[in-house]
Amino acid sequence: YQIEFNKKHGIKPAPIQKEVRPSLFAGYKKISKELAIAKFKDDKRSLEELRKEVEAEMLAEAANLNFERAAELRDLLKTIS
């Protein structure tokens, strides 16, 4: 139906032409890393304790189906490991 409509009205489908804009969350992971490091320094906890806390939060977020946040925490775990 769409093809017939386009032919009838002389429409030639074409992809949109837009410049790629930076994501709203482009700096979010960097901020998360900096906050985790600052939190670690302020709390004077061992790195292992920090890893356990981040991993527990990651698993909780995944269980609550917040997969984007869980992925951010996974990436943070990789950074601090």
C-alpha atoms as a PDB file:
ATOM      1  CA  TYR A   1       0.000   0.000   0.000  1.00  0.00           C
ATOM      2  CA  GLN A   2       2.786   2.457   0.886  1.00  0.00           C
ATOM      3  CA  ILE A   3       4.622   1.793  -2.388  1.00  0.00           C
ATOM      4  CA  GLU A   4       1.456   2.437  -4.408  1.00  0.00           C
ATOM      5  CA  PHE A   5       0.794   5.659  -2.496  1.00  0.00           C
ATOM      6  CA  ASN A   6       4.356   6.850  -3.093  1.00  0.00           C
ATOM      7  CA  LYS A   7       4.141   6.126  -6.849  1.00  0.00           C
ATOM      8  CA  LYS A   8       0.757   7.833  -7.138  1.00  0.00           C
ATOM      9  CA  HIS A   9       2.038  10.992  -5.430  1.00  0.00           C
ATOM     10  CA  GLY A  10       5.551  11.018  -6.903  1.00  0.00           C
ATOM     11  CA  ILE A  11       7.269  10.377  -3.581  1.00  0.00           C
ATOM     12  CA  LYS A  12      10.751   8.892  -3.569  1.00  0.00           C
ATOM     13  CA  PRO A  13      11.680   7.465  -0.162  1.00  0.00           C
ATOM     14  CA  ALA A  14      15.015   8.712   1.149  1.00  0.00           C
ATOM     15  CA  PRO A  15      16.843   8.355   4.454  1.00  0.00           C
ATOM     16  CA  ILE A  16      16.798  11.334   6.766  1.00  0.00           C
ATOM     17  CA  GLN A  17      19.865  13.552   6.781  1.00  0.00           C
ATOM     18  CA  LYS A  18      20.787  14.657  10.309  1.00  0.00           C
ATOM     19  CA  GLU A  19      24.060  15.345  12.020  1.00  0.00           C
ATOM     20  CA  VAL A  20      24.891  13.047  14.899  1.00  0.00           C
ATOM     21  CA  ARG A  21      24.517  14.836  18.212  1.00  0.00           C
ATOM     22  CA  PRO A  22      26.316  13.833  21.393  1.00  0.00           C
ATOM     23  CA  SER A  23      24.353  11.698  23.815  1.00  0.00           C
ATOM     24  CA  LEU A  24      22.829  13.301  26.882  1.00  0.00           C
ATOM     25  CA  PHE A  25      24.659  10.687  28.921  1.00  0.00           C
ATOM     26  CA  ALA A  26      28.045  10.944  27.200  1.00  0.00           C
ATOM     27  CA  GLY A  27      29.880  11.950  30.361  1.00  0.00           C
ATOM     28  CA  TYR A  28      27.845   9.827  32.756  1.00  0.00           C
ATOM     29  CA  LYS A  29      30.213   6.856  32.968  1.00  0.00           C
ATOM     30  CA  LYS A  30      33.164   9.124  33.621  1.00  0.00           C
ATOM     31  CA  ILE A  31      31.257  10.850  36.399  1.00  0.00           C
ATOM     32  CA  SER A  32      30.272   7.488  37.900  1.00  0.00           C
ATOM     33  CA  LYS A  33      33.896   6.367  37.941  1.00  0.00           C
ATOM     34  CA  GLU A  34      35.028   9.593  39.584  1.00  0.00           C
ATOM     35  CA  LEU A  35      32.248   9.380  42.176  1.00  0.00           C
ATOM     36  CA  ALA A  36      33.110   5.773  42.987  1.00  0.00           C
ATOM     37  CA  ILE A  37      36.777   6.627  43.449  1.00  0.00           C
ATOM     38  CA  ALA A  38      35.898   9.634  45.624  1.00  0.00           C
ATOM     39  CA  LYS A  39      33.485   7.520  47.650  1.00  0.00           C
ATOM     40  CA  PHE A  40      36.179   4.876  48.091  1.00  0.00           C
ATOM     41  CA  LYS A  41      38.700   7.455  49.300  1.00  0.00           C
ATOM     42  CA  ASP A  42      36.209   9.095  51.672  1.00  0.00           C
ATOM     43  CA  ASP A  43      35.035   5.841  53.229  1.00  0.00           C
ATOM     44  CA  LYS A  44      38.563   4.460  53.685  1.00  0.00           C
ATOM     45  CA  ARG A  45      37.287   1.016  52.798  1.00  0.00           C
ATOM     46  CA  SER A  46      39.195  -1.684  51.063  1.00  0.00           C
ATOM     47  CA  LEU A  47      38.877  -2.052  47.323  1.00  0.00           C
ATOM     48  CA  GLU A  48      37.354  -5.495  47.885  1.00  0.00           C
ATOM     49  CA  GLU A  49      34.557  -3.997  50.003  1.00  0.00           C
ATOM     50  CA  LEU A  50      33.837  -1.461  47.274  1.00  0.00           C
ATOM     51  CA  ARG A  51      33.713  -4.206  44.640  1.00  0.00           C
ATOM     52  CA  LYS A  52      31.278  -6.243  46.742  1.00  0.00           C
ATOM     53  CA  GLU A  53      29.010  -3.237  47.259  1.00  0.00           C
ATOM     54  CA  VAL A  54      28.972  -2.318  43.563  1.00  0.00           C
ATOM     55  CA  GLU A  55      28.375  -5.947  42.560  1.00  0.00           C
ATOM     56  CA  ALA A  56      25.465  -6.264  45.009  1.00  0.00           C
ATOM     57  CA  GLU A  57      23.923  -3.067  43.651  1.00  0.00           C
ATOM     58  CA  MET A  58      24.431  -4.308  40.072  1.00  0.00           C
ATOM     59  CA  LEU A  59      22.655  -7.601  40.822  1.00  0.00           C
ATOM     60  CA  ALA A  60      19.803  -5.775  42.567  1.00  0.00           C
ATOM     61  CA  GLU A  61      19.345  -3.449  39.590  1.00  0.00           C
ATOM     62  CA  ALA A  62      19.315  -6.418  37.207  1.00  0.00           C
ATOM     63  CA  ALA A  63      16.749  -8.203  39.399  1.00  0.00           C
ATOM     64  CA  ASN A  64      14.586  -5.053  39.221  1.00  0.00           C
ATOM     65  CA  LEU A  65      14.941  -5.105  35.412  1.00  0.00           C
ATOM     66  CA  ASN A  66      16.986  -1.875  35.413  1.00  0.00           C
ATOM     67  CA  PHE A  67      19.400  -3.297  32.877  1.00  0.00           C
ATOM     68  CA  GLU A  68      20.935  -0.001  31.783  1.00  0.00           C
ATOM     69  CA  ARG A  69      21.922   0.870  35.352  1.00  0.00           C
ATOM     70  CA  ALA A  70      23.144  -2.707  35.906  1.00  0.00           C
ATOM     71  CA  ALA A  71      25.340  -2.401  32.805  1.00  0.00           C
ATOM     72  CA  GLU A  72      26.783   0.891  34.075  1.00  0.00           C
ATOM     73  CA  LEU A  73      27.622  -0.766  37.381  1.00  0.00           C
ATOM     74  CA  ARG A  74      29.175  -3.711  35.516  1.00  0.00           C
ATOM     75  CA  ASP A  75      31.380  -1.274  33.612  1.00  0.00           C
ATOM     76  CA  LEU A  76      32.270   0.434  36.876  1.00  0.00           C
ATOM     77  CA  LEU A  77      33.255  -2.941  38.340  1.00  0.00           C
ATOM     78  CA  LYS A  78      35.576  -3.500  35.388  1.00  0.00           C
ATOM     79  CA  THR A  79      37.123  -0.076  35.971  1.00  0.00           C
ATOM     80  CA  ILE A  80      37.826  -0.547  39.663  1.00  0.00           C
ATOM     81  CA  SER A  81      38.969  -4.163  39.314  1.00  0.00           C
END
